[in-house]
Amino acid sequence: MATQRLRNGWVIWLSLAVALLLSVSPLPNFMEIGRPLWVALFLTYWVLYLPHRVGMTTAWLLGLAEDVLYGSLFGQNALILTLITFLVLNLHQRLRMFPMWQQSLVLLVVFGIAQLVQLWLNALTGNRPPTLAFVLPALVSALLWPWIGAILRGIHQRLNVN
């Protein structure tokens, strides 16, 4: 089997940098509680469709960058993104065959698990939010998945990233 030359890897890193910027962009106060998990969404797309290029190491490094950007406990977001990547990698063969609405439901569960781990880590450090609204970002992210997936798929195919 001939090895295929890897092309346009910069697109992956640029999109992940855009996700990091989106994750810290200002939102109105009423929208802040439901801020989408931008980095998790973009990372999930690349892990799902290019698992040979983007994996656990990328998730860990991106999570450390997110920790520095947010000023949170060092390694907290790295652990969360690595967990999401692990779950998506384990499900990626099945997940790719699902229609977009079923992918959204599965990702709702994956992101929900990640948010629960985030809550647990916040409770250990004494920063526990008082309501169940911590699950709202998982719901918003699952609802955004069809659009993010379509946009990234168009970029992926147009620039022939492999």
Protein backbone atom coordinates (compact mmCIF):
# COMPACT_ATOMS: atom_id res chain seq x y z
CA MET A 1 0.00 0.00 0.00
CA ALA A 2 1.47 3.30 -1.06
CA THR A 3 1.82 5.93 1.60
CA GLN A 4 -0.20 9.02 0.97
CA ARG A 5 1.53 12.37 1.36
CA LEU A 6 0.09 14.48 4.17
CA ARG A 7 -1.23 17.80 2.89
CA ASN A 8 -2.47 21.06 4.32
CA GLY A 9 -1.95 20.27 7.99
CA TRP A 10 -1.88 24.01 8.65
CA VAL A 11 -5.65 24.07 8.07
CA ILE A 12 -6.19 21.82 11.09
CA TRP A 13 -4.03 23.99 13.34
CA LEU A 14 -5.55 27.21 12.02
CA SER A 15 -9.07 25.94 12.70
CA LEU A 16 -8.09 24.88 16.21
CA ALA A 17 -6.56 28.33 16.81
CA VAL A 18 -9.84 29.90 15.63
CA ALA A 19 -11.68 27.63 18.10
CA LEU A 20 -9.43 28.86 20.90
CA LEU A 21 -10.19 32.46 19.92
CA LEU A 22 -13.92 31.75 19.79
CA SER A 23 -13.77 30.19 23.23
CA VAL A 24 -12.52 33.42 24.80
CA SER A 25 -14.43 35.89 22.64
CA PRO A 26 -16.78 38.13 24.62
CA LEU A 27 -20.47 37.25 24.76
CA PRO A 28 -23.39 39.08 26.35
CA ASN A 29 -23.97 38.09 29.98
CA PHE A 30 -27.17 36.15 29.28
CA MET A 31 -25.38 34.02 26.64
CA GLU A 32 -22.26 33.35 28.70
CA ILE A 33 -23.84 30.46 30.62
CA GLY A 34 -24.48 28.54 27.38
CA ARG A 35 -21.13 29.23 25.70
CA PRO A 36 -20.49 26.44 23.18
CA LEU A 37 -17.53 24.16 23.67
CA TRP A 38 -15.79 25.50 20.55
CA VAL A 39 -12.48 23.73 21.05
CA ALA A 40 -14.23 20.42 21.72
CA LEU A 41 -16.41 20.82 18.61
CA PHE A 42 -13.53 21.59 16.26
CA LEU A 43 -11.33 18.92 17.82
CA THR A 44 -14.14 16.37 17.55
CA TYR A 45 -14.50 17.03 13.83
CA TRP A 46 -10.81 16.53 13.11
CA VAL A 47 -10.57 13.46 15.36
CA LEU A 48 -13.65 11.99 13.68
CA TYR A 49 -12.53 12.50 10.09
CA LEU A 50 -8.72 12.48 10.39
CA PRO A 51 -7.93 10.18 13.33
CA HIS A 52 -4.46 9.47 11.90
CA ARG A 53 -3.56 13.19 12.11
CA VAL A 54 -5.35 14.44 15.24
CA GLY A 55 -5.47 12.41 18.41
CA MET A 56 -4.84 12.30 22.12
CA THR A 57 -1.58 14.28 22.04
CA THR A 58 -3.20 17.08 20.08
CA ALA A 59 -6.11 17.13 22.54
CA TRP A 60 -3.74 17.26 25.51
CA LEU A 61 -1.67 20.12 24.06
CA LEU A 62 -4.79 22.03 23.05
CA GLY A 63 -6.21 21.53 26.54
CA LEU A 64 -3.05 22.89 28.12
CA ALA A 65 -3.31 25.93 25.84
CA GLU A 66 -6.93 26.32 26.93
CA ASP A 67 -5.88 26.09 30.60
CA VAL A 68 -3.36 28.87 30.11
CA LEU A 69 -5.90 30.96 28.18
CA TYR A 70 -8.64 30.57 30.82
CA GLY A 71 -6.33 30.72 33.81
CA SER A 72 -7.87 27.54 35.17
CA LEU A 73 -6.27 24.69 37.07
CA PHE A 74 -3.38 23.50 34.90
CA GLY A 75 -4.34 20.22 33.24
CA GLN A 76 -8.08 20.47 33.88
CA ASN A 77 -9.14 21.30 30.32
CA ALA A 78 -6.40 19.04 29.00
CA LEU A 79 -8.00 16.14 30.86
CA ILE A 80 -11.47 17.06 29.57
CA LEU A 81 -10.38 17.35 25.92
CA THR A 82 -8.40 14.12 26.17
CA LEU A 83 -11.49 12.37 27.54
CA ILE A 84 -13.63 13.71 24.68
CA THR A 85 -10.99 12.61 22.16
CA PHE A 86 -10.77 9.16 23.73
CA LEU A 87 -14.54 8.68 23.53
CA VAL A 88 -14.77 9.98 19.96
CA LEU A 89 -11.84 7.78 18.86
CA ASN A 90 -13.54 4.75 20.37
CA LEU A 91 -16.80 5.57 18.58
CA HIS A 92 -15.49 7.08 15.35
CA GLN A 93 -16.17 4.07 13.08
CA ARG A 94 -19.83 4.00 14.10
CA LEU A 95 -20.21 7.74 14.50
CA ARG A 96 -19.13 8.44 10.92
CA MET A 97 -21.93 6.24 9.61
CA PHE A 98 -24.66 7.97 11.62
CA PRO A 99 -26.75 10.76 10.14
CA MET A 100 -25.98 14.21 11.49
CA TRP A 101 -28.86 14.27 14.00
CA GLN A 102 -27.70 10.98 15.55
CA GLN A 103 -24.15 12.27 15.70
CA SER A 104 -25.50 15.27 17.59
CA LEU A 105 -27.23 13.02 20.12
CA VAL A 106 -24.10 10.95 20.69
CA LEU A 107 -22.00 14.10 21.03
CA LEU A 108 -24.55 15.47 23.51
CA VAL A 109 -23.79 12.46 25.71
CA VAL A 110 -20.01 12.76 25.18
CA PHE A 111 -19.98 16.49 25.92
CA GLY A 112 -22.35 15.93 28.85
CA ILE A 113 -19.93 13.41 30.36
CA ALA A 114 -17.12 15.91 29.86
CA GLN A 115 -19.13 18.63 31.59
CA LEU A 116 -19.84 16.29 34.52
CA VAL A 117 -16.12 15.59 34.89
CA GLN A 118 -15.54 19.36 34.69
CA LEU A 119 -18.09 19.85 37.49
CA TRP A 120 -16.40 17.17 39.57
CA LEU A 121 -13.00 18.83 39.12
CA ASN A 122 -14.48 22.23 39.97
CA ALA A 123 -16.06 20.76 43.11
CA LEU A 124 -12.68 19.36 44.16
CA THR A 125 -11.12 22.81 43.84
CA GLY A 126 -14.03 24.58 45.55
CA ASN A 127 -15.42 26.36 42.47
CA ARG A 128 -18.68 24.49 42.12
CA PRO A 129 -21.48 26.32 40.27
CA PRO A 130 -24.75 26.41 42.24
CA THR A 131 -27.11 25.24 39.47
CA LEU A 132 -27.47 22.52 36.87
CA ALA A 133 -26.78 25.04 34.11
CA PHE A 134 -23.29 23.55 33.70
CA VAL A 135 -24.83 21.05 31.24
CA LEU A 136 -26.14 23.83 28.97
CA PRO A 137 -22.87 24.19 26.99
CA ALA A 138 -23.08 20.49 26.06
CA LEU A 139 -26.60 21.00 24.72
CA VAL A 140 -25.67 24.14 22.77
CA SER A 141 -22.60 22.39 21.34
CA ALA A 142 -24.65 19.38 20.24
CA LEU A 143 -27.13 21.70 18.52
CA LEU A 144 -24.26 23.50 16.74
CA TRP A 145 -22.61 20.26 15.60
CA PRO A 146 -24.44 19.97 12.21
CA TRP A 147 -23.34 23.48 11.20
CA ILE A 148 -19.78 23.16 12.48
CA GLY A 149 -19.49 19.76 10.83
CA ALA A 150 -20.77 21.09 7.51
CA ILE A 151 -18.44 24.12 7.56
CA LEU A 152 -15.38 22.08 8.47
CA ARG A 153 -16.28 19.36 5.96
CA GLY A 154 -16.45 21.98 3.22
CA ILE A 155 -13.02 23.33 4.21
CA HIS A 156 -11.68 19.80 4.53
CA GLN A 157 -12.82 18.81 1.05
CA ARG A 158 -12.05 22.11 -0.69
CA LEU A 159 -8.47 22.28 0.60
CA ASN A 160 -7.99 18.51 0.33
CA VAL A 161 -6.69 18.08 3.87
CA ASN A 162 -5.53 14.55 4.55
